[in-house]
Structure formats: C-alpha cells, structure tokens
Protein backbone atom coordinates (compact mmCIF):
# COMPACT_ATOMS: atom_id res chain seq x y z
CA MET A 1 44.57 -21.24 -179.29
CA PHE A 2 42.80 -21.88 -175.99
CA ASP A 3 39.39 -23.48 -175.61
CA THR A 4 36.71 -21.37 -173.96
CA PRO A 5 36.11 -22.62 -170.37
CA VAL A 6 32.85 -24.49 -169.97
CA ALA A 7 30.42 -22.75 -167.61
CA ARG A 8 29.28 -25.14 -164.89
CA CYS A 9 26.92 -25.05 -161.92
CA ILE A 10 28.93 -24.40 -158.76
CA ILE A 11 26.94 -27.06 -156.87
CA CYS A 12 26.39 -30.17 -159.02
CA PRO A 13 28.58 -29.20 -161.17
CA ARG A 14 26.52 -29.78 -164.33
CA GLN A 15 27.38 -27.88 -167.50
CA LEU A 16 25.09 -24.89 -167.78
CA LEU A 17 22.75 -24.77 -170.75
CA ASP A 18 22.59 -21.84 -173.14
CA ARG A 19 19.44 -20.60 -171.43
CA GLU A 20 21.31 -20.66 -168.11
CA ALA A 21 24.14 -18.40 -169.30
CA GLY A 22 25.39 -15.99 -166.66
CA ARG A 23 24.10 -18.05 -163.73
CA TYR A 24 26.11 -19.64 -160.92
CA LEU A 25 23.57 -22.44 -160.48
CA CYS A 26 21.73 -24.69 -162.86
CA THR A 27 17.95 -24.65 -162.79
CA LEU A 28 17.76 -28.03 -161.03
CA CYS A 29 19.93 -26.88 -158.09
CA GLU A 30 17.97 -23.64 -157.84
CA GLN A 31 14.74 -25.65 -157.61
CA ARG A 32 16.23 -27.93 -154.94
CA ILE A 33 17.24 -24.94 -152.81
CA ASP A 34 13.77 -23.47 -153.21
CA ARG A 35 12.18 -26.76 -152.12
CA ASP A 36 14.43 -26.96 -149.06
CA LEU A 37 13.50 -23.42 -148.04
CA ALA A 38 9.79 -24.05 -148.57
CA ALA A 39 9.98 -27.24 -146.48
CA LEU A 40 11.10 -25.28 -143.41
CA ALA A 41 8.40 -22.61 -143.21
CA GLY A 42 4.75 -22.43 -142.21
CA PRO A 43 2.61 -24.09 -139.54
CA ALA A 44 3.18 -27.53 -141.08
CA GLY A 45 6.83 -26.95 -141.99
CA LEU A 46 9.87 -28.70 -140.56
CA TYR A 47 10.60 -25.92 -138.07
CA ALA A 48 7.10 -25.98 -136.58
CA ARG A 49 7.18 -29.78 -136.42
CA LEU A 50 10.54 -29.68 -134.65
CA CYS A 51 9.14 -27.32 -132.03
CA LEU A 52 6.54 -29.99 -131.17
CA ARG A 53 9.37 -32.40 -130.34
CA ILE A 54 11.28 -30.37 -127.76
CA GLN A 55 9.97 -32.54 -124.92
CA PRO A 56 11.99 -35.79 -124.89
CA GLY A 57 10.43 -39.21 -125.10
CA ARG A 58 7.46 -37.98 -127.15
CA ARG A 59 6.49 -39.26 -130.59
CA GLY A 60 9.53 -41.48 -130.90
CA ASP A 61 12.10 -38.85 -130.03
CA GLY A 62 14.04 -41.25 -127.84
CA PRO A 63 14.83 -41.27 -124.13
CA ALA A 64 15.14 -38.19 -121.98
CA VAL A 65 18.62 -36.71 -121.80
CA SER A 66 20.10 -37.04 -118.33
CA GLY A 67 22.04 -34.21 -116.74
CA THR A 68 22.89 -35.17 -113.16
CA PRO A 69 21.97 -38.51 -111.54
CA GLY A 70 18.27 -38.63 -110.76
CA ARG A 71 17.59 -35.52 -112.80
CA SER A 72 16.59 -35.32 -116.46
CA ILE A 73 16.91 -32.27 -118.69
CA PRO A 74 13.31 -31.37 -119.64
CA CYS A 75 13.98 -30.95 -123.34
CA ASN A 76 15.47 -32.64 -126.37
CA LEU A 77 18.84 -30.90 -126.79
CA ASP A 78 19.16 -31.77 -130.48
CA VAL A 79 15.79 -30.15 -131.16
CA LEU A 80 16.55 -27.21 -128.90
CA SER A 81 19.83 -26.47 -130.70
CA LEU A 82 17.91 -26.16 -133.96
CA THR A 83 14.80 -24.33 -132.76
CA ALA A 84 16.19 -21.88 -130.19
CA ASP A 85 17.53 -18.42 -130.95
CA GLY A 86 21.00 -18.98 -132.39
CA GLY A 87 19.89 -22.11 -134.23
CA LEU A 88 18.17 -22.63 -137.55
CA VAL A 89 16.41 -19.25 -137.52
CA SER A 90 19.66 -17.39 -136.93
CA VAL A 91 21.39 -19.31 -139.73
CA LEU A 92 18.76 -18.19 -142.23
CA GLU A 93 18.79 -14.63 -140.91
CA THR A 94 22.58 -14.54 -141.29
CA TRP A 95 22.18 -15.48 -144.93
CA VAL A 96 19.46 -12.83 -145.37
CA GLU A 97 21.90 -10.26 -143.98
CA ASP A 98 24.61 -11.56 -146.33
CA TRP A 99 22.29 -11.46 -149.35
CA SER A 100 21.19 -7.92 -148.50
CA THR A 101 24.75 -6.73 -149.24
CA TYR A 102 24.13 -7.91 -152.81
CA GLY A 103 20.87 -5.98 -153.04
CA LEU A 104 18.90 -9.19 -152.54
CA GLY A 105 16.23 -8.29 -149.99
CA VAL A 106 16.28 -6.67 -146.57
CA GLN A 107 16.43 -8.02 -143.04
CA GLY A 108 13.24 -8.70 -141.08
CA ASP A 109 11.81 -6.77 -138.17
CA GLY A 110 12.21 -9.44 -135.48
CA GLY A 111 9.34 -10.98 -133.55
CA ARG A 112 8.64 -14.57 -132.53
CA LEU A 113 10.99 -17.25 -133.82
CA GLN A 114 8.43 -18.86 -136.16
CA ALA A 115 7.59 -15.47 -137.67
CA ARG A 116 11.29 -14.67 -138.08
CA LEU A 117 11.91 -17.98 -139.82
CA ASP A 118 8.93 -17.53 -142.14
CA GLN A 119 10.11 -14.01 -143.02
CA ALA A 120 13.67 -15.18 -143.71
CA VAL A 121 12.44 -18.04 -145.90
CA HIS A 122 10.12 -15.68 -147.79
CA THR A 123 12.96 -13.21 -148.42
CA LEU A 124 15.39 -15.88 -149.58
CA ARG A 125 12.88 -17.59 -151.88
CA LEU A 126 11.77 -14.27 -153.34
CA ASN A 127 15.33 -13.26 -154.18
CA LEU A 128 16.71 -16.66 -155.18
CA PRO A 129 16.01 -16.14 -158.93
CA ARG A 130 18.26 -13.05 -158.83
CA ALA A 131 20.81 -14.57 -156.45
CA VAL A 132 21.68 -17.29 -158.97
CA TYR A 133 23.16 -14.53 -161.15
CA ARG A 134 24.80 -12.49 -158.38
CA HIS A 135 25.97 -14.57 -155.42
CA ARG A 136 29.12 -16.67 -155.76
CA ALA A 137 28.62 -18.43 -152.40
CA LEU A 138 25.35 -20.15 -153.27
CA ASP A 139 27.16 -23.49 -153.10
CA GLU A 140 27.91 -22.89 -149.42
CA PHE A 141 24.38 -21.65 -148.80
CA GLY A 142 22.87 -24.68 -150.53
CA SER A 143 25.12 -27.07 -148.61
CA GLU A 144 24.35 -25.53 -145.22
CA LEU A 145 20.63 -25.38 -145.99
CA SER A 146 20.41 -29.00 -147.17
CA GLY A 147 22.34 -30.11 -144.07
CA LEU A 148 19.84 -28.36 -141.79
CA VAL A 149 16.88 -29.84 -143.68
CA ARG A 150 18.37 -33.34 -143.47
CA GLN A 151 19.03 -32.89 -139.76
CA ALA A 152 15.47 -31.70 -139.16
CA ARG A 153 13.96 -34.57 -141.14
CA ALA A 154 16.14 -37.11 -139.34
CA ILE A 155 14.97 -35.88 -135.93
CA ILE A 156 11.33 -35.83 -137.00
CA ASP A 157 11.62 -39.31 -138.51
CA GLY A 158 13.28 -40.62 -135.33
CA GLU A 159 16.76 -41.09 -136.76
CA ARG A 160 19.92 -39.89 -135.07
CA ALA A 161 21.20 -36.87 -136.99
CA PRO A 162 24.86 -35.84 -136.91
CA ARG A 163 25.35 -32.99 -134.44
CA ARG A 164 26.39 -29.71 -136.04
CA ILE A 165 28.70 -27.38 -134.17
CA ALA A 166 29.38 -23.70 -134.77
CA VAL A 167 33.04 -22.82 -135.30
CA GLN A 168 34.56 -19.40 -135.78
CA CYS A 169 37.17 -18.41 -138.35
CA PRO A 170 39.85 -15.89 -137.28
CA CYS A 171 38.07 -13.38 -139.54
CA GLY A 172 35.03 -13.63 -137.25
CA ALA A 173 32.67 -15.51 -139.57
CA VAL A 174 30.77 -18.45 -138.08
CA SER A 175 30.21 -21.75 -139.91
CA ARG A 176 28.38 -24.91 -138.83
CA ILE A 177 30.06 -28.24 -139.39
CA THR A 178 29.70 -31.88 -138.37
CA LEU A 179 32.48 -34.01 -136.92
CA ASP A 180 32.78 -35.90 -140.21
CA THR A 181 32.89 -32.80 -142.42
CA ASP A 182 35.26 -32.95 -145.39
CA GLY A 183 35.98 -29.26 -145.00
CA PHE A 184 34.44 -25.94 -145.96
CA GLU A 185 35.19 -22.48 -147.33
CA CYS A 186 34.69 -19.54 -144.96
CA ARG A 187 32.11 -17.21 -146.44
CA GLY A 188 33.73 -14.27 -144.65
CA CYS A 189 37.34 -14.39 -145.92
CA ARG A 190 37.05 -17.31 -148.42
CA THR A 191 39.73 -19.32 -146.58
CA GLU A 192 39.46 -23.04 -147.34
CA TYR A 193 39.63 -25.47 -144.41
CA GLY A 194 40.22 -29.19 -144.66
CA HIS A 195 38.80 -31.74 -142.22
CA ALA A 196 41.53 -31.38 -139.59
CA GLU A 197 41.75 -27.61 -139.90
CA ALA A 198 37.97 -27.23 -139.62
CA LEU A 199 37.84 -29.28 -136.40
CA SER A 200 40.70 -27.29 -134.91
CA LEU A 201 38.83 -23.99 -135.17
CA PRO A 202 37.46 -22.62 -131.87
CA MET A 203 33.77 -23.06 -131.13
CA ALA A 204 31.76 -19.90 -131.66
CA ALA A 205 30.09 -18.15 -128.76
CA ARG A 206 26.33 -18.70 -128.76
CA ALA A 207 25.65 -15.03 -129.44
CA ALA A 208 27.89 -15.10 -132.49
CA ALA A 209 26.44 -18.41 -133.68
C-alpha cells in the first residue's frame, strides 16, 4: 500500500494546508509575489525610481561609465538595461502573454513604458489568486520577479547588483540569468539547464529579449 504524496508549494516548498488544496503555491509565497509586483508599479515604485537614476554619478549611482577615452556614456547602463524597452517592462509583458494562454487576463494596449509596466503589474496581481491554481510555472515566475526586484533595490540603494543576461533556448524561449546562476527550467519547452549548460546558451537578440 502506497502513501498518498504530500502536496507541497512549488516554491518554498512548504507542505500545503488543507485550505490550500489544489494550489501550486502556499499562501505565503503568493503574498510575497504580490508584494514584489506591487513594489514595482506606480509613481513611487521601483521602476519609476530607477528611471530617475539613468544619469550616472547622481544620488550615489557611482561613476560614469566610460566608452572611449575622453568620452563618457551619458547613462547608467545597469539602469538602462532594466528600464528600456526589452528590460523589466518586457519581462512582465511576456509573463502577461504567457498567463493569457491560461485564461488569466489579456495583454495591454501599449503606450509609454511606465503605463505598460503599471498595466502588466495590475493584470498579474488581479489574476494571481487564480494563477496559483492553474499555472505550473509560478516558481519560475516568482524567481525571475524576485531577482528583478532585488536588482532594482540594489541599484537604488547604491549596491552593485549582479548583471542579468538574456539567453535563448533552441525552442526560442528567452530566459534571464546571472553568471552565478545554479540553472533554470525553460518555460517554453521545460528543458532543464544546469549552470554550465545555461551559460553556454546563445545570448538573445534584443528584440526577442
């Protein structure tokens, strides 16, 4: 006679309570994801605060980044990689598109980057209570989201955040990793990559990222 498998949160992985039956995430991990999303949006959110730090050497952002001798690049490249099109906004919009295939919201109508980010955050937060019952990749979503939030906070607080790079799986899906990543699972084809395999993947084109 076999014991019934214990249902566990796919993130922590804490054993799910009776009132959490049928969910992929425990309530605590759902709340953490919701807090991370909320921290990004709005005029006082992390994204808006990052946009104020694009110019280097301001508010403790560190020295200007030099391009060629005698010439400095007039922006903070770490901030730019997060705030420009193809950065943090595009990551959230990619997840909105992914969630829409599960009947969890619809994609936004475009517009300015701040408006696009706010719309993506709103859609994800609104549908998160249903996603915890439907979406098996919430562990990857939560990990990517928390990494972006940590990176944003580190830049704002004046710390040096690990640079994230976009790599492309042969299936076409794009994932963002750091050089010290332990590995990840592709959300497109579910292939698992270890540290060495992840770093050997080709970098994604900016349009795809």
